[in-house]
């Protein structure tokens, strides 16, 4: 779960926290997709795939921020 860093001005720590949260969400949606597929719930599977795509895009965006702020 995303918690504020001890130093609220530590932008890199905030970005790393967001990336960790995105990775947790990605793992959750991957499991949900497998469960939905197993139970032949294709509507839920498609919805989870769409959300997973958004979470992966968010992670990529924040990985870019991390690269910029870590210079």
PDB file of N, CA and C in Angstrom:
ATOM      1  N   UNK A   1       0.850  -1.174   0.000  1.00  0.00           N
ATOM      2  CA  UNK A   1       0.000   0.000   0.000  1.00  0.00           C
ATOM      3  C   UNK A   1       0.897   1.239   0.000  1.00  0.00           C
ATOM      4  N   UNK A   2       0.541   2.184  -0.807  1.00  0.00           N
ATOM      5  CA  UNK A   2       1.322   3.405  -0.947  1.00  0.00           C
ATOM      6  C   UNK A   2       1.211   4.251   0.311  1.00  0.00           C
ATOM      7  N   UNK A   3       2.346   4.526   0.912  1.00  0.00           N
ATOM      8  CA  UNK A   3       2.416   5.373   2.097  1.00  0.00           C
ATOM      9  C   UNK A   3       3.349   6.538   1.789  1.00  0.00           C
ATOM     10  N   UNK A   4       3.082   7.690   2.376  1.00  0.00           N
ATOM     11  CA  UNK A   4       3.984   8.823   2.125  1.00  0.00           C
ATOM     12  C   UNK A   4       5.365   8.540   2.708  1.00  0.00           C
ATOM     13  N   UNK A   5       6.408   9.003   2.034  1.00  0.00           N
ATOM     14  CA  UNK A   5       7.761   8.800   2.565  1.00  0.00           C
ATOM     15  C   UNK A   5       7.972   9.663   3.798  1.00  0.00           C
ATOM     16  N   UNK A   6       8.987   9.299   4.580  1.00  0.00           N
ATOM     17  CA  UNK A   6       9.282  10.084   5.784  1.00  0.00           C
ATOM     18  C   UNK A   6       9.674  11.510   5.420  1.00  0.00           C
ATOM     19  N   UNK A   7      10.293  11.684   4.270  1.00  0.00           N
ATOM     20  CA  UNK A   7      10.635  13.019   3.774  1.00  0.00           C
ATOM     21  C   UNK A   7       9.708  13.332   2.597  1.00  0.00           C
ATOM     22  N   UNK A   8       8.682  14.151   2.813  1.00  0.00           N
ATOM     23  CA  UNK A   8       7.709  14.418   1.749  1.00  0.00           C
ATOM     24  C   UNK A   8       8.288  15.144   0.538  1.00  0.00           C
ATOM     25  N   UNK A   9       9.508  15.644   0.654  1.00  0.00           N
ATOM     26  CA  UNK A   9      10.137  16.305  -0.491  1.00  0.00           C
ATOM     27  C   UNK A   9      10.989  15.330  -1.308  1.00  0.00           C
ATOM     28  N   UNK A  10      11.035  14.070  -0.893  1.00  0.00           N
ATOM     29  CA  UNK A  10      11.815  13.045  -1.593  1.00  0.00           C
ATOM     30  C   UNK A  10      10.996  12.512  -2.771  1.00  0.00           C
ATOM     31  N   UNK A  11      11.110  13.195  -3.894  1.00  0.00           N
ATOM     32  CA  UNK A  11      10.315  12.872  -5.079  1.00  0.00           C
ATOM     33  C   UNK A  11      10.620  11.463  -5.581  1.00  0.00           C
ATOM     34  N   UNK A  12      11.868  11.063  -5.539  1.00  0.00           N
ATOM     35  CA  UNK A  12      12.251   9.731  -6.017  1.00  0.00           C
ATOM     36  C   UNK A  12      11.567   8.652  -5.179  1.00  0.00           C
ATOM     37  N   UNK A  13      11.492   8.842  -3.871  1.00  0.00           N
ATOM     38  CA  UNK A  13      10.815   7.867  -3.006  1.00  0.00           C
ATOM     39  C   UNK A  13       9.327   7.788  -3.334  1.00  0.00           C
ATOM     40  N   UNK A  14       8.720   8.917  -3.604  1.00  0.00           N
ATOM     41  CA  UNK A  14       7.297   8.929  -3.978  1.00  0.00           C
ATOM     42  C   UNK A  14       7.104   8.166  -5.290  1.00  0.00           C
ATOM     43  N   UNK A  15       7.944   8.432  -6.260  1.00  0.00           N
ATOM     44  CA  UNK A  15       7.839   7.757  -7.558  1.00  0.00           C
ATOM     45  C   UNK A  15       8.024   6.251  -7.385  1.00  0.00           C
ATOM     46  N   UNK A  16       9.005   5.846  -6.588  1.00  0.00           N
ATOM     47  CA  UNK A  16       9.218   4.409  -6.347  1.00  0.00           C
ATOM     48  C   UNK A  16       8.002   3.781  -5.667  1.00  0.00           C
ATOM     49  N   UNK A  17       7.385   4.521  -4.759  1.00  0.00           N
ATOM     50  CA  UNK A  17       6.179   4.025  -4.106  1.00  0.00           C
ATOM     51  C   UNK A  17       5.037   3.834  -5.081  1.00  0.00           C
ATOM     52  N   UNK A  18       4.889   4.771  -5.997  1.00  0.00           N
ATOM     53  CA  UNK A  18       3.836   4.659  -7.014  1.00  0.00           C
ATOM     54  C   UNK A  18       4.111   3.451  -7.913  1.00  0.00           C
ATOM     55  N   UNK A  19       5.353   3.263  -8.311  1.00  0.00           N
ATOM     56  CA  UNK A  19       5.705   2.114  -9.150  1.00  0.00           C
ATOM     57  C   UNK A  19       5.390   0.810  -8.423  1.00  0.00           C
ATOM     58  N   UNK A  20       5.728   0.732  -7.146  1.00  0.00           N
ATOM     59  CA  UNK A  20       5.431  -0.476  -6.366  1.00  0.00           C
ATOM     60  C   UNK A  20       3.927  -0.729  -6.308  1.00  0.00           C
ATOM     61  N   UNK A  21       3.150   0.317  -6.128  1.00  0.00           N
ATOM     62  CA  UNK A  21       1.687   0.173  -6.092  1.00  0.00           C
ATOM     63  C   UNK A  21       1.144  -0.274  -7.440  1.00  0.00           C
ATOM     64  N   UNK A  22       1.690   0.273  -8.505  1.00  0.00           N
ATOM     65  CA  UNK A  22       1.263  -0.138  -9.842  1.00  0.00           C
ATOM     66  C   UNK A  22       1.587  -1.611 -10.071  1.00  0.00           C
ATOM     67  N   UNK A  23       2.747  -2.057  -9.605  1.00  0.00           N
ATOM     68  CA  UNK A  23       3.130  -3.459  -9.773  1.00  0.00           C
ATOM     69  C   UNK A  23       2.200  -4.382  -8.991  1.00  0.00           C
ATOM     70  N   UNK A  24       1.772  -3.964  -7.805  1.00  0.00           N
ATOM     71  CA  UNK A  24       0.799  -4.744  -7.036  1.00  0.00           C
ATOM     72  C   UNK A  24      -0.526  -4.822  -7.790  1.00  0.00           C
ATOM     73  N   UNK A  25      -0.949  -3.706  -8.349  1.00  0.00           N
ATOM     74  CA  UNK A  25      -2.207  -3.686  -9.102  1.00  0.00           C
ATOM     75  C   UNK A  25      -2.106  -4.578 -10.336  1.00  0.00           C
ATOM     76  N   UNK A  26      -0.975  -4.540 -11.007  1.00  0.00           N
ATOM     77  CA  UNK A  26      -0.767  -5.374 -12.193  1.00  0.00           C
ATOM     78  C   UNK A  26      -0.875  -6.851 -11.827  1.00  0.00           C
ATOM     79  N   UNK A  27      -0.232  -7.245 -10.744  1.00  0.00           N
ATOM     80  CA  UNK A  27      -0.307  -8.642 -10.299  1.00  0.00           C
ATOM     81  C   UNK A  27      -1.749  -9.029  -9.978  1.00  0.00           C
ATOM     82  N   UNK A  28      -2.484  -8.130  -9.344  1.00  0.00           N
ATOM     83  CA  UNK A  28      -3.887  -8.385  -9.004  1.00  0.00           C
ATOM     84  C   UNK A  28      -4.715  -8.611 -10.270  1.00  0.00           C
ATOM     85  N   UNK A  29      -4.567  -7.747 -11.259  1.00  0.00           N
ATOM     86  CA  UNK A  29      -5.357  -7.875 -12.478  1.00  0.00           C
ATOM     87  C   UNK A  29      -4.951  -9.097 -13.291  1.00  0.00           C
ATOM     88  N   UNK A  30      -3.680  -9.478 -13.245  1.00  0.00           N
ATOM     89  CA  UNK A  30      -3.261 -10.700 -13.930  1.00  0.00           C
ATOM     90  C   UNK A  30      -3.950 -11.918 -13.316  1.00  0.00           C
ATOM     91  N   UNK A  31      -4.043 -11.950 -11.980  1.00  0.00           N
ATOM     92  CA  UNK A  31      -4.750 -13.051 -11.310  1.00  0.00           C
ATOM     93  C   UNK A  31      -6.234 -13.029 -11.653  1.00  0.00           C
ATOM     94  N   UNK A  32      -6.816 -11.842 -11.666  1.00  0.00           N
ATOM     95  CA  UNK A  32      -8.235 -11.709 -11.993  1.00  0.00           C
ATOM     96  C   UNK A  32      -8.520 -12.204 -13.412  1.00  0.00           C
ATOM     97  N   UNK A  33      -7.640 -11.891 -14.335  1.00  0.00           N
ATOM     98  CA  UNK A  33      -7.804 -12.349 -15.718  1.00  0.00           C
ATOM     99  C   UNK A  33      -7.798 -13.872 -15.775  1.00  0.00           C
ATOM    100  N   UNK A  34      -6.854 -14.490 -15.072  1.00  0.00           N
ATOM    101  CA  UNK A  34      -6.788 -15.951 -15.063  1.00  0.00           C
ATOM    102  C   UNK A  34      -8.039 -16.568 -14.451  1.00  0.00           C
ATOM    103  N   UNK A  35      -8.520 -16.007 -13.350  1.00  0.00           N
ATOM    104  CA  UNK A  35      -9.741 -16.521 -12.719  1.00  0.00           C
ATOM    105  C   UNK A  35     -10.945 -16.371 -13.639  1.00  0.00           C
ATOM    106  N   UNK A  36     -11.072 -15.217 -14.247  1.00  0.00           N
ATOM    107  CA  UNK A  36     -12.199 -14.980 -15.149  1.00  0.00           C
ATOM    108  C   UNK A  36     -12.138 -15.942 -16.335  1.00  0.00           C
ATOM    109  N   UNK A  37     -10.947 -16.147 -16.861  1.00  0.00           N
ATOM    110  CA  UNK A  37     -10.778 -17.071 -17.990  1.00  0.00           C
ATOM    111  C   UNK A  37     -11.147 -18.498 -17.571  1.00  0.00           C
ATOM    112  N   UNK A  38     -10.698 -18.891 -16.384  1.00  0.00           N
ATOM    113  CA  UNK A  38     -10.985 -20.235 -15.872  1.00  0.00           C
ATOM    114  C   UNK A  38     -12.489 -20.473 -15.729  1.00  0.00           C
ATOM    115  N   UNK A  39     -13.215 -19.435 -15.334  1.00  0.00           N
ATOM    116  CA  UNK A  39     -14.661 -19.548 -15.121  1.00  0.00           C
ATOM    117  C   UNK A  39     -15.475 -19.118 -16.350  1.00  0.00           C
ATOM    118  N   UNK A  40     -14.792 -18.925 -17.466  1.00  0.00           N
ATOM    119  CA  UNK A  40     -15.445 -18.552 -18.734  1.00  0.00           C
ATOM    120  C   UNK A  40     -16.263 -17.263 -18.606  1.00  0.00           C
ATOM    121  N   UNK A  41     -15.747 -16.345 -17.797  1.00  0.00           N
ATOM    122  CA  UNK A  41     -16.392 -15.030 -17.613  1.00  0.00           C
ATOM    123  C   UNK A  41     -15.639 -14.035 -18.497  1.00  0.00           C
ATOM    124  N   UNK A  42     -16.003 -14.014 -19.752  1.00  0.00           N
ATOM    125  CA  UNK A  42     -15.242 -13.246 -20.735  1.00  0.00           C
ATOM    126  C   UNK A  42     -15.457 -11.741 -20.620  1.00  0.00           C
ATOM    127  N   UNK A  43     -16.593 -11.341 -20.101  1.00  0.00           N
ATOM    128  CA  UNK A  43     -16.831  -9.905 -19.894  1.00  0.00           C
ATOM    129  C   UNK A  43     -15.873  -9.380 -18.825  1.00  0.00           C
ATOM    130  N   UNK A  44     -15.795 -10.083 -17.696  1.00  0.00           N
ATOM    131  CA  UNK A  44     -14.869  -9.666 -16.630  1.00  0.00           C
ATOM    132  C   UNK A  44     -13.423  -9.766 -17.091  1.00  0.00           C
ATOM    133  N   UNK A  45     -13.122 -10.798 -17.862  1.00  0.00           N
ATOM    134  CA  UNK A  45     -11.764 -10.955 -18.380  1.00  0.00           C
ATOM    135  C   UNK A  45     -11.380  -9.763 -19.254  1.00  0.00           C
ATOM    136  N   UNK A  46     -12.262  -9.376 -20.165  1.00  0.00           N
ATOM    137  CA  UNK A  46     -11.967  -8.241 -21.046  1.00  0.00           C
ATOM    138  C   UNK A  46     -11.830  -6.940 -20.272  1.00  0.00           C
ATOM    139  N   UNK A  47     -12.686  -6.743 -19.276  1.00  0.00           N
ATOM    140  CA  UNK A  47     -12.593  -5.541 -18.448  1.00  0.00           C
ATOM    141  C   UNK A  47     -11.262  -5.507 -17.704  1.00  0.00           C
ATOM    142  N   UNK A  48     -10.873  -6.640 -17.123  1.00  0.00           N
ATOM    143  CA  UNK A  48      -9.605  -6.708 -16.396  1.00  0.00           C
ATOM    144  C   UNK A  48      -8.423  -6.482 -17.336  1.00  0.00           C
ATOM    145  N   UNK A  49      -8.516  -6.964 -18.558  1.00  0.00           N
ATOM    146  CA  UNK A  49      -7.443  -6.749 -19.540  1.00  0.00           C
ATOM    147  C   UNK A  49      -7.304  -5.260 -19.853  1.00  0.00           C
ATOM    148  N   UNK A  50      -8.421  -4.574 -20.005  1.00  0.00           N
ATOM    149  CA  UNK A  50      -8.375  -3.130 -20.263  1.00  0.00           C
ATOM    150  C   UNK A  50      -7.743  -2.379 -19.094  1.00  0.00           C
ATOM    151  N   UNK A  51      -8.154  -2.730 -17.884  1.00  0.00           N
ATOM    152  CA  UNK A  51      -7.607  -2.057 -16.698  1.00  0.00           C
ATOM    153  C   UNK A  51      -6.130  -2.385 -16.548  1.00  0.00           C
ATOM    154  N   UNK A  52      -5.752  -3.639 -16.798  1.00  0.00           N
ATOM    155  CA  UNK A  52      -4.346  -4.041 -16.737  1.00  0.00           C
ATOM    156  C   UNK A  52      -3.509  -3.194 -17.686  1.00  0.00           C
ATOM    157  N   UNK A  53      -4.019  -2.968 -18.870  1.00  0.00           N
ATOM    158  CA  UNK A  53      -3.309  -2.145 -19.849  1.00  0.00           C
ATOM    159  C   UNK A  53      -3.066  -0.737 -19.310  1.00  0.00           C
ATOM    160  N   UNK A  54      -4.078  -0.178 -18.652  1.00  0.00           N
ATOM    161  CA  UNK A  54      -3.932   1.160 -18.064  1.00  0.00           C
ATOM    162  C   UNK A  54      -2.894   1.155 -16.946  1.00  0.00           C
ATOM    163  N   UNK A  55      -2.920   0.124 -16.109  1.00  0.00           N
ATOM    164  CA  UNK A  55      -1.955   0.040 -15.008  1.00  0.00           C
ATOM    165  C   UNK A  55      -0.531  -0.097 -15.547  1.00  0.00           C
ATOM    166  N   UNK A  56      -0.363  -0.883 -16.595  1.00  0.00           N
ATOM    167  CA  UNK A  56       0.964  -1.033 -17.196  1.00  0.00           C
ATOM    168  C   UNK A  56       1.446   0.285 -17.792  1.00  0.00           C
ATOM    169  N   UNK A  57       0.532   1.053 -18.376  1.00  0.00           N
ATOM    170  CA  UNK A  57       0.895   2.368 -18.918  1.00  0.00           C
ATOM    171  C   UNK A  57       1.297   3.315 -17.797  1.00  0.00           C
ATOM    172  N   UNK A  58       0.578   3.257 -16.672  1.00  0.00           N
ATOM    173  CA  UNK A  58       0.932   4.106 -15.522  1.00  0.00           C
ATOM    174  C   UNK A  58       2.327   3.749 -15.017  1.00  0.00           C
ATOM    175  N   UNK A  59       2.598   2.434 -14.894  1.00  0.00           N
ATOM    176  CA  UNK A  59       3.917   2.004 -14.419  1.00  0.00           C
ATOM    177  C   UNK A  59       5.006   2.520 -15.350  1.00  0.00           C
ATOM    178  N   UNK A  60       4.785   2.391 -16.648  1.00  0.00           N
ATOM    179  CA  UNK A  60       5.775   2.851 -17.619  1.00  0.00           C
ATOM    180  C   UNK A  60       5.991   4.359 -17.501  1.00  0.00           C
ATOM    181  N   UNK A  61       4.910   5.093 -17.305  1.00  0.00           N
ATOM    182  CA  UNK A  61       5.004   6.544 -17.152  1.00  0.00           C
ATOM    183  C   UNK A  61       5.865   6.900 -15.940  1.00  0.00           C
ATOM    184  N   UNK A  62       5.614   6.249 -14.809  1.00  0.00           N
ATOM    185  CA  UNK A  62       6.371   6.567 -13.605  1.00  0.00           C
ATOM    186  C   UNK A  62       7.799   6.038 -13.665  1.00  0.00           C
ATOM    187  N   UNK A  63       8.040   4.968 -14.414  1.00  0.00           N
ATOM    188  CA  UNK A  63       9.413   4.524 -14.623  1.00  0.00           C
ATOM    189  C   UNK A  63      10.186   5.582 -15.409  1.00  0.00           C
ATOM    190  N   UNK A  64       9.500   6.245 -16.337  1.00  0.00           N
ATOM    191  CA  UNK A  64      10.122   7.357 -17.064  1.00  0.00           C
ATOM    192  C   UNK A  64      10.443   8.515 -16.142  1.00  0.00           C
ATOM    193  N   UNK A  65       9.500   8.828 -15.235  1.00  0.00           N
ATOM    194  CA  UNK A  65       9.757   9.890 -14.252  1.00  0.00           C
ATOM    195  C   UNK A  65      10.959   9.532 -13.391  1.00  0.00           C
ATOM    196  N   UNK A  66      11.018   8.267 -12.963  1.00  0.00           N
ATOM    197  CA  UNK A  66      12.125   7.833 -12.113  1.00  0.00           C
ATOM    198  C   UNK A  66      13.452   7.996 -12.846  1.00  0.00           C
ATOM    199  N   UNK A  67      13.469   7.644 -14.101  1.00  0.00           N
ATOM    200  CA  UNK A  67      14.693   7.791 -14.900  1.00  0.00           C
ATOM    201  C   UNK A  67      15.120   9.255 -14.951  1.00  0.00           C
ATOM    202  N   UNK A  68      14.158  10.156 -15.135  1.00  0.00           N
ATOM    203  CA  UNK A  68      14.474  11.583 -15.218  1.00  0.00           C
ATOM    204  C   UNK A  68      14.947  12.146 -13.876  1.00  0.00           C
ATOM    205  N   UNK A  69      14.278  11.769 -12.800  1.00  0.00           N
ATOM    206  CA  UNK A  69      14.623  12.321 -11.486  1.00  0.00           C
ATOM    207  C   UNK A  69      15.860  11.683 -10.879  1.00  0.00           C
ATOM    208  N   UNK A  70      16.270  10.530 -11.394  1.00  0.00           N
ATOM    209  CA  UNK A  70      17.445   9.839 -10.854  1.00  0.00           C
ATOM    210  C   UNK A  70      18.741  10.299 -11.497  1.00  0.00           C
ATOM    211  N   UNK A  71      18.656  11.215 -12.443  1.00  0.00           N
ATOM    212  CA  UNK A  71      19.867  11.709 -13.126  1.00  0.00           C
ATOM    213  C   UNK A  71      20.704  12.544 -12.199  1.00  0.00           C
TER     214      UNK A  71
END
